[in-house]
Amino acid sequence: MEIKFDLDLDFYDEDGTSINESIKSTIINGIIDRIYKSVKSNYIDEINKTIKTRVEGLVEKTFDGFLEQEVKITDKYGDTIEIGNVKAIIKNRFDKWLGERVDSQGRTGSYDSKYERIIFIVEQQLQKHSHKFVQEAVTAVADKLEKTLSEDLRTMIGQKISDKIGLNKLLPKMIKE
């Protein structure tokens, strides 16, 4: 009795795909990965720079367009208060804010408001920086004066002591011997 086995595997993998297709897909994926890494390493900086430049240009154009846009500002009743482009309105409001009267603490709405805000800000900064400058100058002068006085006092005291003990008369005798 003779039994014949015919087994035709047709190169199939466990999940039902052919081994040839598996090898082909592995090779293709490897090639794609290499190409991607090459492009990424060579061109990613250029691509990012180009994107950044274009985005900045678009943002600037959009912002400039917004600033130049005409607007109408109304009060709570709908009456028009101000008409103009955004840039001019911001400038006017900032100028008004800098020109507001403030008191010695920088607060508005006080009966003691005698400074314009811009003058108050400048004076505050001047006081802050001038106080620091004066402190540094006084410290430097005091240190220099102390050093100079110390040296002069040592010299004068040394001279007086040498005169009292007659060191001036003894030195020439000691040098000759």
C-alpha atoms as a PDB file:
ATOM      1  CA  MET A   1       0.000   0.000   0.000  1.00  0.00           C
ATOM      2  CA  GLU A   2       1.382   3.309  -1.011  1.00  0.00           C
ATOM      3  CA  ILE A   3       0.282   6.749   0.354  1.00  0.00           C
ATOM      4  CA  LYS A   4       1.194   9.895  -1.451  1.00  0.00           C
ATOM      5  CA  PHE A   5       1.169  13.323   0.167  1.00  0.00           C
ATOM      6  CA  ASP A   6       1.019  16.355  -1.997  1.00  0.00           C
ATOM      7  CA  LEU A   7       1.520  19.531   0.033  1.00  0.00           C
ATOM      8  CA  ASP A   8       1.310  22.802  -1.841  1.00  0.00           C
ATOM      9  CA  LEU A   9       2.236  25.646   0.538  1.00  0.00           C
ATOM     10  CA  ASP A  10       2.339  28.337  -2.136  1.00  0.00           C
ATOM     11  CA  PHE A  11       4.571  30.324   0.173  1.00  0.00           C
ATOM     12  CA  TYR A  12       1.778  31.559   2.457  1.00  0.00           C
ATOM     13  CA  ASP A  13       2.480  33.145   5.823  1.00  0.00           C
ATOM     14  CA  GLU A  14       0.534  32.507   9.037  1.00  0.00           C
ATOM     15  CA  ASP A  15      -1.769  35.482   8.507  1.00  0.00           C
ATOM     16  CA  GLY A  16      -2.696  34.437   5.006  1.00  0.00           C
ATOM     17  CA  THR A  17      -0.468  36.722   2.964  1.00  0.00           C
ATOM     18  CA  SER A  18       2.034  35.271   0.601  1.00  0.00           C
ATOM     19  CA  ILE A  19       5.689  35.328   1.611  1.00  0.00           C
ATOM     20  CA  ASN A  20       6.586  37.036  -1.677  1.00  0.00           C
ATOM     21  CA  GLU A  21       4.222  39.895  -0.876  1.00  0.00           C
ATOM     22  CA  SER A  22       5.625  40.142   2.673  1.00  0.00           C
ATOM     23  CA  ILE A  23       9.179  40.416   1.341  1.00  0.00           C
ATOM     24  CA  LYS A  24       8.099  42.924  -1.285  1.00  0.00           C
ATOM     25  CA  SER A  25       6.259  45.074   1.310  1.00  0.00           C
ATOM     26  CA  THR A  26       9.271  44.958   3.702  1.00  0.00           C
ATOM     27  CA  ILE A  27      11.633  46.098   0.923  1.00  0.00           C
ATOM     28  CA  ILE A  28       9.265  48.904  -0.150  1.00  0.00           C
ATOM     29  CA  ASN A  29       8.804  50.095   3.453  1.00  0.00           C
ATOM     30  CA  GLY A  30      12.588  50.114   3.955  1.00  0.00           C
ATOM     31  CA  ILE A  31      13.102  52.189   0.809  1.00  0.00           C
ATOM     32  CA  ILE A  32      10.363  54.623   1.830  1.00  0.00           C
ATOM     33  CA  ASP A  33      11.905  55.012   5.319  1.00  0.00           C
ATOM     34  CA  ARG A  34      15.339  55.752   3.849  1.00  0.00           C
ATOM     35  CA  ILE A  35      13.932  58.296   1.402  1.00  0.00           C
ATOM     36  CA  TYR A  36      11.911  59.950   4.207  1.00  0.00           C
ATOM     37  CA  LYS A  37      14.950  60.163   6.499  1.00  0.00           C
ATOM     38  CA  SER A  38      17.072  61.583   3.678  1.00  0.00           C
ATOM     39  CA  VAL A  39      14.475  64.217   2.773  1.00  0.00           C
ATOM     40  CA  LYS A  40      13.881  65.021   6.430  1.00  0.00           C
ATOM     41  CA  SER A  41      17.561  65.514   7.216  1.00  0.00           C
ATOM     42  CA  ASN A  42      18.284  67.513   4.058  1.00  0.00           C
ATOM     43  CA  TYR A  43      15.214  69.682   3.598  1.00  0.00           C
ATOM     44  CA  ILE A  44      13.407  70.002   6.939  1.00  0.00           C
ATOM     45  CA  ASP A  45      15.280  73.197   7.909  1.00  0.00           C
ATOM     46  CA  GLU A  46      14.565  74.808   4.542  1.00  0.00           C
ATOM     47  CA  ILE A  47      10.913  73.794   4.710  1.00  0.00           C
ATOM     48  CA  ASN A  48      10.555  75.152   8.263  1.00  0.00           C
ATOM     49  CA  LYS A  49      12.274  78.426   7.307  1.00  0.00           C
ATOM     50  CA  THR A  50      10.009  78.854   4.274  1.00  0.00           C
ATOM     51  CA  ILE A  51       6.894  78.084   6.304  1.00  0.00           C
ATOM     52  CA  LYS A  52       7.956  80.490   9.062  1.00  0.00           C
ATOM     53  CA  THR A  53       8.641  83.283   6.558  1.00  0.00           C
ATOM     54  CA  ARG A  54       5.301  82.821   4.837  1.00  0.00           C
ATOM     55  CA  VAL A  55       3.351  82.584   8.106  1.00  0.00           C
ATOM     56  CA  GLU A  56       5.051  85.718   9.476  1.00  0.00           C
ATOM     57  CA  GLY A  57       4.238  87.538   6.248  1.00  0.00           C
ATOM     58  CA  LEU A  58       0.600  86.493   6.422  1.00  0.00           C
ATOM     59  CA  VAL A  59       0.319  87.446  10.098  1.00  0.00           C
ATOM     60  CA  GLU A  60       1.910  90.848   9.427  1.00  0.00           C
ATOM     61  CA  LYS A  61      -0.364  91.445   6.437  1.00  0.00           C
ATOM     62  CA  THR A  62      -3.429  90.429   8.455  1.00  0.00           C
ATOM     63  CA  PHE A  63      -2.406  92.585  11.425  1.00  0.00           C
ATOM     64  CA  ASP A  64      -1.666  95.588   9.197  1.00  0.00           C
ATOM     65  CA  GLY A  65      -5.027  95.082   7.534  1.00  0.00           C
ATOM     66  CA  PHE A  66      -6.686  94.997  10.944  1.00  0.00           C
ATOM     67  CA  LEU A  67      -4.919  98.181  12.060  1.00  0.00           C
ATOM     68  CA  GLU A  68      -5.916 100.021   8.882  1.00  0.00           C
ATOM     69  CA  GLN A  69      -9.546  98.858   9.029  1.00  0.00           C
ATOM     70  CA  GLU A  70     -12.124 101.590   9.588  1.00  0.00           C
ATOM     71  CA  VAL A  71     -14.227 101.116  12.723  1.00  0.00           C
ATOM     72  CA  LYS A  72     -17.017 103.005  14.411  1.00  0.00           C
ATOM     73  CA  ILE A  73     -17.069 103.082  18.201  1.00  0.00           C
ATOM     74  CA  THR A  74     -20.420 103.645  19.838  1.00  0.00           C
ATOM     75  CA  ASP A  75     -21.594 104.192  23.383  1.00  0.00           C
ATOM     76  CA  LYS A  76     -24.067 101.936  25.151  1.00  0.00           C
ATOM     77  CA  TYR A  77     -26.962 103.754  23.467  1.00  0.00           C
ATOM     78  CA  GLY A  78     -25.608 103.242  19.971  1.00  0.00           C
ATOM     79  CA  ASP A  79     -24.498 106.826  19.430  1.00  0.00           C
ATOM     80  CA  THR A  80     -21.259 107.137  17.473  1.00  0.00           C
ATOM     81  CA  ILE A  81     -18.367 108.295  19.633  1.00  0.00           C
ATOM     82  CA  GLU A  82     -15.426 107.838  17.330  1.00  0.00           C
ATOM     83  CA  ILE A  83     -14.816 106.846  13.713  1.00  0.00           C
ATOM     84  CA  GLY A  84     -11.403 106.002  12.319  1.00  0.00           C
ATOM     85  CA  ASN A  85      -8.944 103.238  11.686  1.00  0.00           C
ATOM     86  CA  VAL A  86      -7.844 101.057  14.593  1.00  0.00           C
ATOM     87  CA  LYS A  87      -4.271 102.383  14.569  1.00  0.00           C
ATOM     88  CA  ALA A  88      -5.378 106.026  14.882  1.00  0.00           C
ATOM     89  CA  ILE A  89      -7.871 105.206  17.634  1.00  0.00           C
ATOM     90  CA  ILE A  90      -5.222 103.317  19.634  1.00  0.00           C
ATOM     91  CA  LYS A  91      -2.788 106.222  19.195  1.00  0.00           C
ATOM     92  CA  ASN A  92      -5.395 108.786  20.308  1.00  0.00           C
ATOM     93  CA  ARG A  93      -6.370 106.770  23.363  1.00  0.00           C
ATOM     94  CA  PHE A  94      -2.732 106.246  24.340  1.00  0.00           C
ATOM     95  CA  ASP A  95      -2.057 109.970  23.965  1.00  0.00           C
ATOM     96  CA  LYS A  96      -5.081 110.738  26.173  1.00  0.00           C
ATOM     97  CA  TRP A  97      -3.889 108.194  28.746  1.00  0.00           C
ATOM     98  CA  LEU A  98      -0.396 109.729  28.861  1.00  0.00           C
ATOM     99  CA  GLY A  99      -1.927 113.220  29.219  1.00  0.00           C
ATOM    100  CA  GLU A 100      -4.263 112.329  32.105  1.00  0.00           C
ATOM    101  CA  ARG A 101      -3.710 114.125  35.369  1.00  0.00           C
ATOM    102  CA  VAL A 102      -2.424 111.992  38.254  1.00  0.00           C
ATOM    103  CA  ASP A 103      -1.505 112.655  41.872  1.00  0.00           C
ATOM    104  CA  SER A 104       1.863 112.041  43.517  1.00  0.00           C
ATOM    105  CA  GLN A 105       1.057 108.309  43.734  1.00  0.00           C
ATOM    106  CA  GLY A 106       0.112 107.979  40.041  1.00  0.00           C
ATOM    107  CA  ARG A 107      -3.638 107.697  40.707  1.00  0.00           C
ATOM    108  CA  THR A 108      -6.285 109.468  38.628  1.00  0.00           C
ATOM    109  CA  GLY A 109      -9.491 111.097  39.825  1.00  0.00           C
ATOM    110  CA  SER A 110      -7.952 112.784  42.840  1.00  0.00           C
ATOM    111  CA  TYR A 111      -8.264 116.459  43.768  1.00  0.00           C
ATOM    112  CA  ASP A 112      -4.501 116.506  44.149  1.00  0.00           C
ATOM    113  CA  SER A 113      -3.897 115.584  40.476  1.00  0.00           C
ATOM    114  CA  LYS A 114      -1.153 117.980  39.446  1.00  0.00           C
ATOM    115  CA  TYR A 115       1.044 115.932  37.074  1.00  0.00           C
ATOM    116  CA  GLU A 116       0.462 114.574  33.616  1.00  0.00           C
ATOM    117  CA  ARG A 117       0.999 110.807  33.614  1.00  0.00           C
ATOM    118  CA  ILE A 118       3.983 111.014  31.222  1.00  0.00           C
ATOM    119  CA  ILE A 119       5.724 113.546  33.487  1.00  0.00           C
ATOM    120  CA  PHE A 120       4.951 111.404  36.540  1.00  0.00           C
ATOM    121  CA  ILE A 121       6.465 108.316  34.854  1.00  0.00           C
ATOM    122  CA  VAL A 122       9.594 110.202  33.761  1.00  0.00           C
ATOM    123  CA  GLU A 123      10.097 111.731  37.224  1.00  0.00           C
ATOM    124  CA  GLN A 124       9.672 108.349  38.914  1.00  0.00           C
ATOM    125  CA  GLN A 125      12.310 106.815  36.668  1.00  0.00           C
ATOM    126  CA  LEU A 126      14.668 109.760  37.163  1.00  0.00           C
ATOM    127  CA  GLN A 127      14.337 109.531  40.941  1.00  0.00           C
ATOM    128  CA  LYS A 128      14.898 105.794  40.898  1.00  0.00           C
ATOM    129  CA  HIS A 129      17.987 105.918  38.694  1.00  0.00           C
ATOM    130  CA  SER A 130      19.442 109.139  40.134  1.00  0.00           C
ATOM    131  CA  HIS A 131      19.155 107.764  43.681  1.00  0.00           C
ATOM    132  CA  LYS A 132      21.027 104.643  42.625  1.00  0.00           C
ATOM    133  CA  PHE A 133      23.676 106.710  40.785  1.00  0.00           C
ATOM    134  CA  VAL A 134      24.175 109.028  43.778  1.00  0.00           C
ATOM    135  CA  GLN A 135      24.491 106.079  46.161  1.00  0.00           C
ATOM    136  CA  GLU A 136      27.158 104.468  43.977  1.00  0.00           C
ATOM    137  CA  ALA A 137      29.051 107.766  43.631  1.00  0.00           C
ATOM    138  CA  VAL A 138      28.976 108.472  47.380  1.00  0.00           C
ATOM    139  CA  THR A 139      30.195 104.950  48.130  1.00  0.00           C
ATOM    140  CA  ALA A 140      33.050 105.280  45.620  1.00  0.00           C
ATOM    141  CA  VAL A 141      34.098 108.711  46.951  1.00  0.00           C
ATOM    142  CA  ALA A 142      33.925 107.542  50.576  1.00  0.00           C
ATOM    143  CA  ASP A 143      36.057 104.479  49.795  1.00  0.00           C
ATOM    144  CA  LYS A 144      38.647 106.564  47.941  1.00  0.00           C
ATOM    145  CA  LEU A 145      38.725 109.195  50.717  1.00  0.00           C
ATOM    146  CA  GLU A 146      39.154 106.537  53.397  1.00  0.00           C
ATOM    147  CA  LYS A 147      42.001 104.915  51.486  1.00  0.00           C
ATOM    148  CA  THR A 148      43.772 108.228  50.835  1.00  0.00           C
ATOM    149  CA  LEU A 149      43.372 109.402  54.429  1.00  0.00           C
ATOM    150  CA  SER A 150      44.637 106.086  55.775  1.00  0.00           C
ATOM    151  CA  GLU A 151      47.755 106.227  53.615  1.00  0.00           C
ATOM    152  CA  ASP A 152      48.418 109.893  54.436  1.00  0.00           C
ATOM    153  CA  LEU A 153      47.905 109.296  58.165  1.00  0.00           C
ATOM    154  CA  ARG A 154      50.265 106.329  58.150  1.00  0.00           C
ATOM    155  CA  THR A 155      52.903 108.393  56.355  1.00  0.00           C
ATOM    156  CA  MET A 156      52.519 111.365  58.696  1.00  0.00           C
ATOM    157  CA  ILE A 157      52.476 109.225  61.853  1.00  0.00           C
ATOM    158  CA  GLY A 158      55.516 107.324  60.653  1.00  0.00           C
ATOM    159  CA  GLN A 159      57.340 110.595  59.979  1.00  0.00           C
ATOM    160  CA  LYS A 160      56.439 112.007  63.413  1.00  0.00           C
ATOM    161  CA  ILE A 161      57.560 108.843  65.188  1.00  0.00           C
ATOM    162  CA  SER A 162      60.839 108.729  63.280  1.00  0.00           C
ATOM    163  CA  ASP A 163      61.450 112.409  64.148  1.00  0.00           C
ATOM    164  CA  LYS A 164      60.694 111.786  67.833  1.00  0.00           C
ATOM    165  CA  ILE A 165      63.024 108.851  68.195  1.00  0.00           C
ATOM    166  CA  GLY A 166      65.694 110.453  66.057  1.00  0.00           C
ATOM    167  CA  LEU A 167      65.568 107.841  63.334  1.00  0.00           C
ATOM    168  CA  ASN A 168      66.701 110.411  60.765  1.00  0.00           C
ATOM    169  CA  LYS A 169      69.990 110.846  62.686  1.00  0.00           C
ATOM    170  CA  LEU A 170      70.495 107.123  63.312  1.00  0.00           C
ATOM    171  CA  LEU A 171      69.871 105.901  59.767  1.00  0.00           C
ATOM    172  CA  PRO A 172      72.878 107.603  58.132  1.00  0.00           C
ATOM    173  CA  LYS A 173      75.145 106.240  60.887  1.00  0.00           C
ATOM    174  CA  MET A 174      73.722 102.715  60.429  1.00  0.00           C
ATOM    175  CA  ILE A 175      74.158 102.835  56.660  1.00  0.00           C
ATOM    176  CA  LYS A 176      77.824 103.896  56.947  1.00  0.00           C
ATOM    177  CA  GLU A 177      78.659 100.973  59.251  1.00  0.00           C
END
